Each structure stands twice: as C-alpha cells, then as structure tokens.
C-alpha cells in the first residue's frame, strides 16, 4: 500500500500541468477497477456453474483499454518533459 501511495503521488506531481495525461491516468485506474470486478464476477460464475460466455471478452477488452490509457498518459508525460 505504501508503494501504491508513492506511485500515485509521483504521477499526481507529473500530471499536475498536463490535464490530458491526468485524465488518461484517472480513466486507466477506473478501467483497472472494472477489470478486477469482471475477474471476480467471472470467478463467481465459475463457482456457481453459470454460463457467462461474454464476460471474458469484456474483461480482456477492459484490460486492453487500461493498458492503452496508461501508455498514453506516460507518453504525454514524457512529451511534456521533452524526454
């Protein structure tokens, strides 16, 4: 938890002046929460022996969106810092 707080503080500092990167970073964490909830629902469906055939498709799509948003935020931060 301490490491998560440190990383979050660093990203807040880096995205303070770059609004687009901040929005991408916030949306990325929202999609990560959605991925975790989708994984939990899929696990519960397996335990209950339900057929949720489309849920893994959405979960994998949310993972891809999370990675792309996080990557875009990092690119915008690097672009702003002229790296």
Protein backbone atom coordinates (compact mmCIF):
# COMPACT_ATOMS: atom_id res chain seq x y z
CA UNK A 1 0.00 0.00 0.00
CA UNK A 2 2.88 2.32 0.74
CA UNK A 3 4.34 1.73 -2.73
CA UNK A 4 0.95 2.43 -4.33
CA UNK A 5 0.72 5.73 -2.45
CA UNK A 6 4.23 6.68 -3.55
CA UNK A 7 3.49 5.90 -7.20
CA UNK A 8 0.19 7.78 -7.06
CA UNK A 9 1.91 10.82 -5.55
CA UNK A 10 4.57 10.82 -8.25
CA UNK A 11 2.00 10.60 -11.04
CA UNK A 12 -0.05 13.38 -9.47
CA UNK A 13 3.01 15.59 -9.43
CA UNK A 14 3.84 14.75 -13.06
CA UNK A 15 0.29 15.25 -14.36
CA UNK A 16 -0.39 18.49 -12.47
CA UNK A 17 0.34 20.65 -15.52
CA UNK A 18 -0.75 18.15 -18.17
CA UNK A 19 -4.54 17.84 -17.99
CA UNK A 20 -4.85 15.24 -20.76
CA UNK A 21 -2.32 12.93 -19.10
CA UNK A 22 -4.13 13.31 -15.79
CA UNK A 23 -7.45 12.36 -17.35
CA UNK A 24 -5.90 9.35 -19.07
CA UNK A 25 -4.28 8.27 -15.82
CA UNK A 26 -7.55 8.59 -13.86
CA UNK A 27 -9.51 6.71 -16.52
CA UNK A 28 -6.87 3.99 -16.59
CA UNK A 29 -7.36 3.34 -12.87
CA UNK A 30 -11.15 3.30 -13.34
CA UNK A 31 -10.78 0.65 -16.02
CA UNK A 32 -8.44 -1.33 -13.78
CA UNK A 33 -11.19 -1.42 -11.15
CA UNK A 34 -13.61 -2.64 -13.82
CA UNK A 35 -11.15 -5.38 -14.79
CA UNK A 36 -10.90 -6.54 -11.18
CA UNK A 37 -14.69 -6.60 -10.81
CA UNK A 38 -15.04 -8.52 -14.09
CA UNK A 39 -12.49 -11.08 -12.93
CA UNK A 40 -14.36 -11.50 -9.64
CA UNK A 41 -17.69 -11.92 -11.42
CA UNK A 42 -16.16 -14.48 -13.77
CA UNK A 43 -14.72 -16.42 -10.84
CA UNK A 44 -18.08 -16.36 -9.06
CA UNK A 45 -19.80 -17.57 -12.24
CA UNK A 46 -17.37 -20.49 -12.44
CA UNK A 47 -18.02 -21.40 -8.80
CA UNK A 48 -21.78 -21.19 -9.31
CA UNK A 49 -21.54 -23.11 -12.62
CA UNK A 50 -23.21 -20.34 -14.61
CA UNK A 51 -22.60 -19.76 -18.29
CA UNK A 52 -21.27 -16.22 -18.76
CA UNK A 53 -19.60 -16.68 -22.11
CA UNK A 54 -19.29 -12.99 -23.00
CA UNK A 55 -17.83 -11.75 -19.71
CA UNK A 56 -14.21 -12.76 -20.50
CA UNK A 57 -14.44 -10.86 -23.80
CA UNK A 58 -15.39 -7.66 -21.98
CA UNK A 59 -12.79 -8.25 -19.28
CA UNK A 60 -9.99 -8.62 -21.82
CA UNK A 61 -11.22 -5.54 -23.68
CA UNK A 62 -11.14 -3.54 -20.44
CA UNK A 63 -7.58 -4.75 -19.82
CA UNK A 64 -6.56 -3.52 -23.26
CA UNK A 65 -8.19 -0.13 -22.68
CA UNK A 66 -6.42 0.14 -19.30
CA UNK A 67 -3.03 -0.56 -20.88
CA UNK A 68 -3.60 1.88 -23.74
CA UNK A 69 -4.72 4.68 -21.42
CA UNK A 70 -1.79 4.12 -19.06
CA UNK A 71 0.61 4.06 -22.02
CA UNK A 72 -0.91 7.26 -23.44
CA UNK A 73 -0.60 9.02 -20.07
CA UNK A 74 3.06 8.03 -19.83
CA UNK A 75 3.73 9.20 -23.39
CA UNK A 76 2.10 12.58 -22.69
CA UNK A 77 4.18 12.98 -19.51
CA UNK A 78 7.37 12.15 -21.40
CA UNK A 79 6.39 14.52 -24.22
CA UNK A 80 5.77 17.35 -21.75
CA UNK A 81 9.15 16.72 -20.07
CA UNK A 82 10.81 16.58 -23.51
CA UNK A 83 12.33 13.16 -22.90
